[in-house]
């Protein structure tokens, strides 16, 4: 998915703007998510929505939006949480707990934890999240990195099994 704009709510005005830190990016999506999006768009064709670009008095920009309110217009993040997100928890039989950093941050945290658990590099994750500095990503998400002791042991075992490790001259080769 190409992340190239966001809907922002600033001082009572909804507008389109570049993503956070004005950084566009590509994010890999699972095939199941793409299929679900395709199915959703067949059932609910995305309407065209016109909003100012970048500021309340910015030039109008028209974009088809996948997630809209019942009238086909935009929603603030707060409204989305109230009318979509919280009810979805209820339908799933889950308790909704307010997060100080919001639903968006919670989903980013979940995304980051799943990618790190599957071995995606911090550099790639930083790109997907739109972070300039992979060091920032590492500082924020380091507690999510799985222990690497067993992976390290397996890597060395694998190398020894296929003869990549030196025999008697290990110290000299180092």
Protein backbone atom coordinates (compact mmCIF):
# COMPACT_ATOMS: atom_id res chain seq x y z
CA UNK A 1 0.00 0.00 0.00
CA UNK A 2 1.29 3.44 -0.87
CA UNK A 3 0.85 5.82 2.06
CA UNK A 4 0.77 9.25 0.50
CA UNK A 5 -1.80 11.29 2.42
CA UNK A 6 -3.81 11.41 5.60
CA UNK A 7 -7.04 13.02 6.71
CA UNK A 8 -6.18 15.51 9.45
CA UNK A 9 -8.42 17.36 11.83
CA UNK A 10 -6.87 20.72 12.72
CA UNK A 11 -8.70 23.42 14.69
CA UNK A 12 -12.13 22.18 13.65
CA UNK A 13 -11.24 21.61 9.98
CA UNK A 14 -10.79 18.30 8.22
CA UNK A 15 -8.17 18.36 5.48
CA UNK A 16 -5.87 16.16 3.44
CA UNK A 17 -2.17 16.42 4.23
CA UNK A 18 1.04 14.52 3.73
CA UNK A 19 1.62 11.70 6.22
CA UNK A 20 3.40 12.32 9.50
CA UNK A 21 6.79 13.99 9.02
CA UNK A 22 5.70 14.60 5.40
CA UNK A 23 7.07 11.19 4.43
CA UNK A 24 5.27 9.02 1.89
CA UNK A 25 6.07 5.30 1.99
CA UNK A 26 5.12 1.82 0.86
CA UNK A 27 3.83 -0.73 3.38
CA UNK A 28 3.40 -4.42 2.57
CA UNK A 29 -0.11 -5.73 3.19
CA UNK A 30 -1.10 -9.38 3.56
CA UNK A 31 -3.02 -10.85 0.64
CA UNK A 32 -5.99 -11.49 2.96
CA UNK A 33 -6.20 -7.78 3.79
CA UNK A 34 -6.02 -6.83 0.11
CA UNK A 35 -8.76 -9.36 -0.69
CA UNK A 36 -10.94 -7.97 2.13
CA UNK A 37 -10.38 -4.43 0.85
CA UNK A 38 -11.31 -5.48 -2.70
CA UNK A 39 -14.47 -7.15 -1.41
CA UNK A 40 -15.36 -4.10 0.68
CA UNK A 41 -14.88 -1.79 -2.32
CA UNK A 42 -17.16 -3.99 -4.45
CA UNK A 43 -19.90 -3.79 -1.82
CA UNK A 44 -19.25 -0.16 -0.88
CA UNK A 45 -17.60 1.74 -3.76
CA UNK A 46 -15.33 4.43 -2.28
CA UNK A 47 -16.93 7.85 -2.73
CA UNK A 48 -14.99 10.88 -3.87
CA UNK A 49 -14.41 13.38 -1.08
CA UNK A 50 -13.13 16.93 -1.53
CA UNK A 51 -11.18 18.62 1.27
CA UNK A 52 -8.62 21.41 1.41
CA UNK A 53 -5.01 20.30 1.05
CA UNK A 54 -2.56 21.05 3.84
CA UNK A 55 -4.45 23.85 5.61
CA UNK A 56 -7.99 25.09 6.17
CA UNK A 57 -7.65 27.45 3.21
CA UNK A 58 -5.59 25.08 1.04
CA UNK A 59 -6.47 24.21 -2.54
CA UNK A 60 -9.27 21.63 -2.75
CA UNK A 61 -8.22 18.04 -3.42
CA UNK A 62 -10.62 15.24 -4.38
CA UNK A 63 -9.81 11.68 -3.35
CA UNK A 64 -11.76 8.41 -3.18
CA UNK A 65 -11.87 7.25 0.45
CA UNK A 66 -12.29 3.67 1.61
CA UNK A 67 -13.59 4.54 5.08
CA UNK A 68 -16.31 7.17 5.29
CA UNK A 69 -19.33 8.02 7.43
CA UNK A 70 -22.88 6.97 6.48
CA UNK A 71 -23.30 10.08 4.33
CA UNK A 72 -20.09 9.34 2.37
CA UNK A 73 -18.04 12.03 4.12
CA UNK A 74 -14.92 12.00 6.22
CA UNK A 75 -14.63 11.21 9.92
CA UNK A 76 -12.20 12.44 12.50
CA UNK A 77 -10.20 9.77 14.29
CA UNK A 78 -12.21 10.43 17.44
CA UNK A 79 -15.51 9.90 15.63
CA UNK A 80 -14.18 6.72 13.98
CA UNK A 81 -13.24 5.38 17.42
CA UNK A 82 -16.71 6.14 18.78
CA UNK A 83 -18.86 4.79 15.96
CA UNK A 84 -16.69 2.04 14.44
CA UNK A 85 -13.82 0.94 16.67
CA UNK A 86 -15.56 0.65 20.06
CA UNK A 87 -18.63 -1.12 18.61
CA UNK A 88 -16.33 -3.59 16.80
CA UNK A 89 -14.83 -4.57 20.15
CA UNK A 90 -18.33 -5.21 21.49
CA UNK A 91 -19.30 -7.36 18.49
CA UNK A 92 -16.10 -9.38 18.96
CA UNK A 93 -16.93 -9.90 22.65
CA UNK A 94 -13.93 -7.86 23.79
CA UNK A 95 -13.70 -5.15 26.42
CA UNK A 96 -12.63 -1.80 25.00
CA UNK A 97 -10.04 0.05 27.06
CA UNK A 98 -9.23 3.66 26.28
CA UNK A 99 -5.59 4.16 25.42
CA UNK A 100 -3.88 7.43 26.23
CA UNK A 101 -2.15 7.28 22.83
CA UNK A 102 -5.27 6.22 20.90
CA UNK A 103 -6.35 3.48 18.55
CA UNK A 104 -3.94 4.49 15.79
CA UNK A 105 -0.90 4.13 18.04
CA UNK A 106 -2.21 0.86 19.40
CA UNK A 107 -2.51 -0.58 15.90
CA UNK A 108 0.98 0.67 14.97
CA UNK A 109 2.34 -1.00 18.09
CA UNK A 110 0.62 -4.28 17.19
CA UNK A 111 1.93 -4.06 13.61
CA UNK A 112 5.48 -3.41 14.83
CA UNK A 113 5.39 -6.25 17.36
CA UNK A 114 4.16 -8.77 14.77
CA UNK A 115 6.79 -7.77 12.20
CA UNK A 116 9.63 -7.83 14.73
CA UNK A 117 8.51 -11.25 16.01
CA UNK A 118 8.76 -12.58 12.44
CA UNK A 119 12.30 -11.26 11.96
CA UNK A 120 11.63 -8.10 9.92
CA UNK A 121 14.63 -5.81 10.36
CA UNK A 122 14.43 -2.61 12.38
CA UNK A 123 15.47 -0.70 9.22
CA UNK A 124 12.56 -2.11 7.22
CA UNK A 125 10.14 -1.52 10.10
CA UNK A 126 11.31 2.09 10.38
CA UNK A 127 10.56 2.57 6.66
CA UNK A 128 7.09 1.02 7.00
CA UNK A 129 6.24 3.17 10.02
CA UNK A 130 7.58 6.33 8.37
CA UNK A 131 10.41 6.88 10.87
CA UNK A 132 13.42 8.85 9.61
CA UNK A 133 15.80 7.14 12.00
CA UNK A 134 15.84 3.36 12.60
CA UNK A 135 17.45 4.20 15.95
CA UNK A 136 14.21 5.87 17.01
CA UNK A 137 12.27 2.76 15.98
CA UNK A 138 14.67 0.59 17.95
CA UNK A 139 14.34 2.77 21.06
CA UNK A 140 10.53 2.74 20.89
CA UNK A 141 10.08 -0.95 20.07
CA UNK A 142 13.20 -2.63 21.51
CA UNK A 143 11.15 -4.25 24.28
CA UNK A 144 9.25 -6.14 21.57
CA UNK A 145 12.30 -7.80 20.06
CA UNK A 146 12.18 -11.52 20.75
CA UNK A 147 15.13 -13.09 22.53
CA UNK A 148 17.76 -13.99 19.98
CA UNK A 149 19.65 -16.54 22.08
CA UNK A 150 17.91 -19.53 20.51
CA UNK A 151 18.12 -18.05 16.98
CA UNK A 152 21.84 -17.39 17.49
CA UNK A 153 22.36 -20.95 18.73
CA UNK A 154 20.46 -22.32 15.72
CA UNK A 155 22.50 -20.20 13.29
CA UNK A 156 25.79 -21.49 14.67
CA UNK A 157 24.48 -25.08 14.80
CA UNK A 158 23.40 -24.79 11.16
CA UNK A 159 26.77 -23.38 10.10
CA UNK A 160 28.62 -26.18 11.94
CA UNK A 161 26.38 -28.85 10.39
CA UNK A 162 27.10 -27.74 6.83
CA UNK A 163 30.83 -27.29 7.47
CA UNK A 164 31.04 -23.51 7.43
CA UNK A 165 32.84 -23.37 10.77
CA UNK A 166 36.58 -23.97 10.85
CA UNK A 167 37.83 -27.16 12.46
CA UNK A 168 41.02 -27.08 14.53
CA UNK A 169 42.11 -23.55 13.63
CA UNK A 170 39.12 -21.58 14.90
CA UNK A 171 41.17 -19.01 16.81
CA UNK A 172 43.61 -18.53 13.95
CA UNK A 173 40.81 -18.04 11.44
CA UNK A 174 39.25 -15.40 13.66
